[in-house]
């Protein structure tokens, strides 16, 4: 899907997203999609604890965190709770291969603002990141 360049594009350059997933290929593909849409990757983390550590170390926090559910050390459920307690302004997109209603409801109850299946089209993913950031979608 092609997006028209307009005034919102300059706002995307300041949009920062963190990617939290234990799968290296998923992180790579996610980073690729974001960077090809002029969205900055603030950091990547391979598990929830790594994400929490990076949030504590960072002076500037990401606008959006793309968070996997099933990870070692701290699950997405545990991580979402900690993130919302400490950085409530940061939006969380639960991004998982599991899209059953129990997983969706548990992640939303844990603090995720949105839920997106990893089977979604790349354009849907990018639109979700823009929506979560408050920039909305581009036409």
N, C-alpha and C. Protein backbone atom coordinates (compact mmCIF):
# COMPACT_ATOMS: atom_id res chain seq x y z
N UNK A 1 0.84 -1.17 0.00
CA UNK A 1 0.00 0.00 0.00
C UNK A 1 0.89 1.24 0.00
N UNK A 2 0.63 2.16 -0.87
CA UNK A 2 1.38 3.40 -0.93
C UNK A 2 0.65 4.48 -0.16
N UNK A 3 1.41 5.29 0.55
CA UNK A 3 0.85 6.40 1.29
C UNK A 3 1.26 7.70 0.62
N UNK A 4 0.36 8.65 0.57
CA UNK A 4 0.67 9.96 0.01
C UNK A 4 1.55 10.71 0.99
N UNK A 5 2.53 11.39 0.46
CA UNK A 5 3.35 12.25 1.30
C UNK A 5 2.57 13.52 1.57
N UNK A 6 2.47 13.88 2.82
CA UNK A 6 1.80 15.12 3.17
C UNK A 6 2.41 15.66 4.45
N UNK A 7 1.78 16.62 5.06
CA UNK A 7 2.34 17.26 6.25
C UNK A 7 2.53 16.28 7.41
N UNK A 8 1.74 15.19 7.45
CA UNK A 8 1.89 14.24 8.54
C UNK A 8 3.21 13.49 8.46
N UNK A 9 3.82 13.41 7.30
CA UNK A 9 5.08 12.68 7.17
C UNK A 9 6.17 13.27 8.06
N UNK A 10 6.21 14.58 8.19
CA UNK A 10 7.24 15.18 9.04
C UNK A 10 7.02 14.79 10.50
N UNK A 11 5.77 14.58 10.91
CA UNK A 11 5.48 14.16 12.27
C UNK A 11 5.93 12.73 12.52
N UNK A 12 5.91 11.89 11.48
CA UNK A 12 6.32 10.51 11.64
C UNK A 12 7.80 10.39 11.98
N UNK A 13 8.62 11.33 11.53
CA UNK A 13 10.04 11.26 11.82
C UNK A 13 10.32 11.37 13.30
N UNK A 14 9.43 12.01 14.05
CA UNK A 14 9.61 12.12 15.49
C UNK A 14 8.92 10.97 16.23
N UNK A 15 8.14 10.15 15.53
CA UNK A 15 7.48 9.00 16.13
C UNK A 15 8.51 7.91 16.40
N UNK A 16 8.57 7.46 17.66
CA UNK A 16 9.52 6.41 18.04
C UNK A 16 8.77 5.20 18.54
N UNK A 17 9.19 4.04 18.04
CA UNK A 17 8.55 2.77 18.36
C UNK A 17 9.61 1.80 18.87
N UNK A 18 9.27 1.05 19.91
CA UNK A 18 10.13 -0.02 20.41
C UNK A 18 9.52 -1.36 19.99
N UNK A 19 10.39 -2.30 19.68
CA UNK A 19 9.98 -3.63 19.26
C UNK A 19 10.44 -4.62 20.32
N UNK A 20 9.50 -5.39 20.87
CA UNK A 20 9.83 -6.35 21.92
C UNK A 20 9.32 -7.72 21.48
N UNK A 21 10.26 -8.58 21.09
CA UNK A 21 9.91 -9.92 20.60
C UNK A 21 11.13 -10.81 20.74
N UNK A 22 10.94 -12.04 21.15
CA UNK A 22 12.08 -12.95 21.31
C UNK A 22 12.55 -13.55 19.99
N UNK A 23 11.79 -13.36 18.93
CA UNK A 23 12.14 -13.92 17.63
C UNK A 23 12.92 -12.87 16.82
N UNK A 24 14.16 -13.17 16.52
CA UNK A 24 15.03 -12.25 15.79
C UNK A 24 14.45 -11.88 14.43
N UNK A 25 13.89 -12.83 13.72
CA UNK A 25 13.32 -12.55 12.39
C UNK A 25 12.11 -11.63 12.48
N UNK A 26 11.29 -11.81 13.50
CA UNK A 26 10.13 -10.93 13.68
C UNK A 26 10.61 -9.51 13.97
N UNK A 27 11.62 -9.37 14.83
CA UNK A 27 12.16 -8.04 15.11
C UNK A 27 12.71 -7.40 13.85
N UNK A 28 13.44 -8.17 13.06
CA UNK A 28 14.01 -7.66 11.81
C UNK A 28 12.92 -7.21 10.85
N UNK A 29 11.92 -8.05 10.65
CA UNK A 29 10.83 -7.71 9.72
C UNK A 29 10.03 -6.51 10.21
N UNK A 30 9.82 -6.43 11.50
CA UNK A 30 9.09 -5.30 12.08
C UNK A 30 9.89 -4.01 11.91
N UNK A 31 11.18 -4.07 12.20
CA UNK A 31 12.05 -2.90 12.03
C UNK A 31 12.05 -2.46 10.56
N UNK A 32 12.11 -3.41 9.65
CA UNK A 32 12.11 -3.12 8.21
C UNK A 32 10.82 -2.40 7.81
N UNK A 33 9.68 -2.90 8.26
CA UNK A 33 8.40 -2.27 7.93
C UNK A 33 8.33 -0.85 8.48
N UNK A 34 8.76 -0.68 9.71
CA UNK A 34 8.71 0.65 10.33
C UNK A 34 9.63 1.63 9.61
N UNK A 35 10.88 1.22 9.40
CA UNK A 35 11.84 2.14 8.79
C UNK A 35 11.46 2.48 7.35
N UNK A 36 10.84 1.55 6.63
CA UNK A 36 10.39 1.83 5.27
C UNK A 36 9.17 2.75 5.23
N UNK A 37 8.62 3.03 6.39
CA UNK A 37 7.49 3.95 6.49
C UNK A 37 7.86 5.18 7.31
N UNK A 38 9.16 5.48 7.34
CA UNK A 38 9.68 6.68 8.01
C UNK A 38 9.35 6.75 9.49
N UNK A 39 9.32 5.60 10.15
CA UNK A 39 9.06 5.54 11.58
C UNK A 39 10.35 5.06 12.26
N UNK A 40 10.79 5.79 13.26
CA UNK A 40 12.04 5.51 13.95
C UNK A 40 11.87 4.38 14.97
N UNK A 41 12.82 3.45 14.97
CA UNK A 41 12.84 2.40 15.98
C UNK A 41 13.71 2.90 17.14
N UNK A 42 13.08 3.10 18.29
CA UNK A 42 13.78 3.61 19.47
C UNK A 42 14.75 2.56 20.01
N UNK A 43 14.26 1.32 20.13
CA UNK A 43 15.10 0.20 20.56
C UNK A 43 14.38 -1.10 20.28
N UNK A 44 15.16 -2.17 20.35
CA UNK A 44 14.63 -3.52 20.24
C UNK A 44 14.97 -4.25 21.53
N UNK A 45 14.09 -5.15 21.95
CA UNK A 45 14.33 -5.96 23.14
C UNK A 45 13.90 -7.39 22.84
N UNK A 46 14.66 -8.34 23.38
CA UNK A 46 14.35 -9.75 23.09
C UNK A 46 13.44 -10.40 24.12
N UNK A 47 13.12 -9.67 25.19
CA UNK A 47 12.16 -10.16 26.17
C UNK A 47 11.66 -8.99 27.01
N UNK A 48 10.69 -9.25 27.85
CA UNK A 48 10.09 -8.19 28.63
C UNK A 48 11.05 -7.51 29.59
N UNK A 49 11.91 -8.28 30.23
CA UNK A 49 12.86 -7.69 31.17
C UNK A 49 13.84 -6.77 30.45
N UNK A 50 14.28 -7.20 29.27
CA UNK A 50 15.17 -6.37 28.45
C UNK A 50 14.48 -5.05 28.11
N UNK A 51 13.19 -5.09 27.80
CA UNK A 51 12.41 -3.88 27.49
C UNK A 51 12.35 -2.97 28.71
N UNK A 52 12.01 -3.51 29.86
CA UNK A 52 11.90 -2.72 31.09
C UNK A 52 13.24 -2.07 31.42
N UNK A 53 14.32 -2.83 31.28
CA UNK A 53 15.66 -2.29 31.53
C UNK A 53 15.96 -1.12 30.60
N UNK A 54 15.65 -1.27 29.32
CA UNK A 54 15.91 -0.21 28.35
C UNK A 54 15.03 1.01 28.61
N UNK A 55 13.82 0.81 29.07
CA UNK A 55 12.96 1.94 29.40
C UNK A 55 13.55 2.72 30.58
N UNK A 56 14.05 2.02 31.59
CA UNK A 56 14.67 2.69 32.74
C UNK A 56 15.93 3.46 32.33
N UNK A 57 16.68 2.94 31.37
CA UNK A 57 17.94 3.56 30.94
C UNK A 57 17.73 4.72 29.97
N UNK A 58 16.57 4.80 29.37
CA UNK A 58 16.32 5.78 28.31
C UNK A 58 15.79 7.10 28.87
N UNK A 59 16.36 8.19 28.39
CA UNK A 59 15.87 9.52 28.77
C UNK A 59 14.60 9.86 27.99
N UNK A 60 14.52 9.40 26.75
CA UNK A 60 13.36 9.62 25.89
C UNK A 60 12.69 8.27 25.65
N UNK A 61 11.43 8.15 26.04
CA UNK A 61 10.72 6.88 25.89
C UNK A 61 9.97 6.81 24.57
N UNK A 62 9.82 5.60 24.03
CA UNK A 62 9.09 5.46 22.76
C UNK A 62 7.62 5.86 22.92
N UNK A 63 7.04 6.29 21.82
CA UNK A 63 5.61 6.63 21.81
C UNK A 63 4.76 5.36 21.84
N UNK A 64 5.26 4.32 21.17
CA UNK A 64 4.53 3.06 21.02
C UNK A 64 5.50 1.91 21.24
N UNK A 65 5.01 0.87 21.92
CA UNK A 65 5.77 -0.36 22.07
C UNK A 65 4.98 -1.48 21.41
N UNK A 66 5.63 -2.18 20.48
CA UNK A 66 5.05 -3.35 19.83
C UNK A 66 5.53 -4.55 20.65
N UNK A 67 4.60 -5.22 21.32
CA UNK A 67 4.93 -6.19 22.36
C UNK A 67 4.38 -7.58 22.06
N UNK A 68 5.28 -8.54 21.95
CA UNK A 68 4.90 -9.94 21.79
C UNK A 68 4.31 -10.46 23.10
N UNK A 69 3.52 -11.51 23.04
CA UNK A 69 2.93 -12.09 24.24
C UNK A 69 3.83 -13.17 24.84
N UNK A 70 4.23 -14.12 24.01
CA UNK A 70 4.97 -15.28 24.51
C UNK A 70 6.47 -15.06 24.38
N UNK A 71 7.09 -14.76 25.53
CA UNK A 71 8.53 -14.52 25.56
C UNK A 71 9.09 -15.11 26.85
N UNK A 72 10.39 -15.43 26.84
CA UNK A 72 11.02 -15.88 28.08
C UNK A 72 11.26 -14.70 29.03
N UNK A 73 11.61 -14.98 30.22
CA UNK A 73 11.96 -14.04 31.28
C UNK A 73 10.72 -13.31 31.79
N UNK A 74 10.16 -12.38 31.04
CA UNK A 74 8.89 -11.74 31.36
C UNK A 74 7.98 -11.86 30.14
N UNK A 75 6.80 -12.40 30.33
CA UNK A 75 5.84 -12.52 29.22
C UNK A 75 5.31 -11.14 28.84
N UNK A 76 4.62 -11.08 27.74
CA UNK A 76 3.98 -9.84 27.33
C UNK A 76 2.95 -9.37 28.33
N UNK A 77 2.24 -10.31 28.96
CA UNK A 77 1.25 -9.96 29.97
C UNK A 77 1.92 -9.24 31.15
N UNK A 78 2.99 -9.84 31.66
CA UNK A 78 3.72 -9.25 32.79
C UNK A 78 4.34 -7.91 32.40
N UNK A 79 4.91 -7.85 31.21
CA UNK A 79 5.58 -6.64 30.74
C UNK A 79 4.58 -5.50 30.57
N UNK A 80 3.42 -5.79 30.00
CA UNK A 80 2.40 -4.75 29.79
C UNK A 80 1.98 -4.12 31.12
N UNK A 81 1.82 -4.94 32.15
CA UNK A 81 1.44 -4.42 33.47
C UNK A 81 2.50 -3.46 34.01
N UNK A 82 3.76 -3.85 33.91
CA UNK A 82 4.86 -3.02 34.41
C UNK A 82 4.97 -1.73 33.60
N UNK A 83 4.85 -1.85 32.28
CA UNK A 83 4.93 -0.66 31.42
C UNK A 83 3.84 0.34 31.76
N UNK A 84 2.61 -0.12 31.91
CA UNK A 84 1.50 0.80 32.18
C UNK A 84 1.61 1.43 33.56
N UNK A 85 2.16 0.70 34.52
CA UNK A 85 2.35 1.27 35.87
C UNK A 85 3.40 2.37 35.86
N UNK A 86 4.46 2.19 35.09
CA UNK A 86 5.59 3.10 35.12
C UNK A 86 5.60 4.14 34.00
N UNK A 87 5.06 3.82 32.85
CA UNK A 87 5.05 4.72 31.69
C UNK A 87 3.67 4.71 31.05
N UNK A 88 2.66 5.21 31.76
CA UNK A 88 1.28 5.11 31.25
C UNK A 88 1.04 5.85 29.94
N UNK A 89 1.88 6.83 29.61
CA UNK A 89 1.69 7.59 28.37
C UNK A 89 2.13 6.81 27.14
N UNK A 90 2.96 5.79 27.32
CA UNK A 90 3.43 4.97 26.19
C UNK A 90 2.33 3.99 25.79
N UNK A 91 1.98 4.00 24.52
CA UNK A 91 0.95 3.10 24.02
C UNK A 91 1.55 1.73 23.73
N UNK A 92 0.77 0.70 23.97
CA UNK A 92 1.22 -0.68 23.77
C UNK A 92 0.33 -1.36 22.74
N UNK A 93 0.99 -1.92 21.72
CA UNK A 93 0.29 -2.77 20.76
C UNK A 93 0.74 -4.20 21.04
N UNK A 94 -0.17 -5.03 21.53
CA UNK A 94 0.12 -6.45 21.69
C UNK A 94 0.15 -7.03 20.28
N UNK A 95 1.24 -7.71 19.95
CA UNK A 95 1.48 -8.19 18.59
C UNK A 95 1.83 -9.67 18.71
N UNK A 96 0.89 -10.53 18.35
CA UNK A 96 1.08 -11.94 18.64
C UNK A 96 0.50 -12.86 17.58
N UNK A 97 1.06 -14.05 17.52
CA UNK A 97 0.52 -15.10 16.67
C UNK A 97 -0.73 -15.70 17.30
N UNK A 98 -0.88 -15.50 18.60
CA UNK A 98 -2.08 -15.96 19.31
C UNK A 98 -3.12 -14.86 19.24
N UNK A 99 -4.25 -15.14 18.63
CA UNK A 99 -5.29 -14.13 18.57
C UNK A 99 -6.64 -14.66 19.06
N UNK A 100 -6.57 -15.62 19.99
CA UNK A 100 -7.79 -16.13 20.60
C UNK A 100 -8.33 -15.09 21.57
N UNK A 101 -9.62 -15.15 21.85
CA UNK A 101 -10.25 -14.11 22.68
C UNK A 101 -9.67 -14.03 24.08
N UNK A 102 -9.24 -15.16 24.65
CA UNK A 102 -8.65 -15.12 25.99
C UNK A 102 -7.33 -14.32 25.98
N UNK A 103 -6.48 -14.56 24.99
CA UNK A 103 -5.21 -13.83 24.90
C UNK A 103 -5.46 -12.35 24.68
N UNK A 104 -6.39 -12.03 23.79
CA UNK A 104 -6.71 -10.63 23.50
C UNK A 104 -7.20 -9.94 24.77
N UNK A 105 -8.18 -10.53 25.43
CA UNK A 105 -8.76 -9.92 26.63
C UNK A 105 -7.76 -9.81 27.76
N UNK A 106 -6.91 -10.83 27.93
CA UNK A 106 -5.91 -10.79 29.00
C UNK A 106 -4.88 -9.70 28.73
N UNK A 107 -4.44 -9.54 27.48
CA UNK A 107 -3.48 -8.48 27.16
C UNK A 107 -4.08 -7.09 27.34
N UNK A 108 -5.31 -6.92 26.92
CA UNK A 108 -5.96 -5.62 27.09
C UNK A 108 -6.16 -5.31 28.58
N UNK A 109 -6.51 -6.33 29.37
CA UNK A 109 -6.66 -6.14 30.82
C UNK A 109 -5.31 -5.84 31.48
N UNK A 110 -4.24 -6.37 30.93
CA UNK A 110 -2.89 -6.15 31.48
C UNK A 110 -2.37 -4.75 31.17
N UNK A 111 -2.98 -4.07 30.21
CA UNK A 111 -2.55 -2.71 29.91
C UNK A 111 -2.29 -2.40 28.45
N UNK A 112 -2.37 -3.41 27.58
CA UNK A 112 -2.19 -3.13 26.16
C UNK A 112 -3.34 -2.24 25.68
N UNK A 113 -3.01 -1.29 24.81
CA UNK A 113 -4.01 -0.39 24.27
C UNK A 113 -4.67 -0.95 23.02
N UNK A 114 -3.92 -1.80 22.31
CA UNK A 114 -4.39 -2.39 21.05
C UNK A 114 -3.87 -3.82 20.96
N UNK A 115 -4.51 -4.60 20.13
CA UNK A 115 -4.08 -5.97 19.86
C UNK A 115 -4.08 -6.19 18.36
N UNK A 116 -3.00 -6.76 17.85
CA UNK A 116 -2.90 -7.03 16.42
C UNK A 116 -2.26 -8.39 16.21
N UNK A 117 -2.87 -9.18 15.36
CA UNK A 117 -2.35 -10.50 15.01
C UNK A 117 -1.13 -10.36 14.10
N UNK A 118 -0.15 -11.22 14.30
CA UNK A 118 1.03 -11.22 13.43
C UNK A 118 0.69 -11.66 12.01
N UNK A 119 -0.51 -12.19 11.81
CA UNK A 119 -0.95 -12.59 10.48
C UNK A 119 -1.55 -11.40 9.71
N UNK A 120 -1.63 -10.24 10.34
CA UNK A 120 -2.19 -9.06 9.69
C UNK A 120 -1.29 -8.57 8.56
N UNK A 121 -1.89 -7.90 7.60
CA UNK A 121 -1.13 -7.33 6.49
C UNK A 121 -0.22 -6.21 6.99
N UNK A 122 0.94 -6.02 6.36
CA UNK A 122 1.85 -4.94 6.78
C UNK A 122 1.17 -3.56 6.81
N UNK A 123 0.29 -3.27 5.87
CA UNK A 123 -0.39 -1.97 5.86
C UNK A 123 -1.27 -1.81 7.10
N UNK A 124 -1.87 -2.89 7.56
CA UNK A 124 -2.69 -2.84 8.78
C UNK A 124 -1.80 -2.57 9.99
N UNK A 125 -0.63 -3.20 10.01
CA UNK A 125 0.32 -2.99 11.10
C UNK A 125 0.75 -1.52 11.17
N UNK A 126 1.14 -0.96 10.03
CA UNK A 126 1.60 0.44 9.99
C UNK A 126 0.46 1.37 10.39
N UNK A 127 -0.74 1.11 9.91
CA UNK A 127 -1.89 1.93 10.30
C UNK A 127 -2.13 1.85 11.80
N UNK A 128 -1.96 0.67 12.38
CA UNK A 128 -2.15 0.50 13.83
C UNK A 128 -1.11 1.30 14.61
N UNK A 129 0.14 1.29 14.17
CA UNK A 129 1.19 2.07 14.84
C UNK A 129 0.84 3.56 14.77
N UNK A 130 0.43 4.02 13.61
CA UNK A 130 0.07 5.44 13.46
C UNK A 130 -1.13 5.80 14.33
N UNK A 131 -2.11 4.92 14.37
CA UNK A 131 -3.29 5.16 15.20
C UNK A 131 -2.90 5.20 16.68
N UNK A 132 -2.10 4.24 17.12
CA UNK A 132 -1.67 4.20 18.52
C UNK A 132 -0.88 5.44 18.91
N UNK A 133 -0.12 5.98 17.97
CA UNK A 133 0.70 7.16 18.26
C UNK A 133 -0.12 8.44 18.32
N UNK A 134 -1.37 8.37 17.85
CA UNK A 134 -2.21 9.55 17.82
C UNK A 134 -2.14 10.31 16.51
N UNK A 135 -1.31 9.83 15.58
CA UNK A 135 -1.20 10.50 14.28
C UNK A 135 -2.30 10.08 13.33
N UNK A 136 -2.97 9.00 13.63
CA UNK A 136 -4.01 8.51 12.73
C UNK A 136 -3.39 7.87 11.50
N UNK A 137 -4.22 7.50 10.58
CA UNK A 137 -3.73 6.87 9.35
C UNK A 137 -3.57 7.91 8.26
N UNK A 138 -2.72 7.58 7.31
CA UNK A 138 -2.52 8.46 6.15
C UNK A 138 -3.34 7.95 4.99
N UNK A 139 -3.81 8.86 4.15
CA UNK A 139 -4.62 8.47 2.99
C UNK A 139 -3.75 8.19 1.80
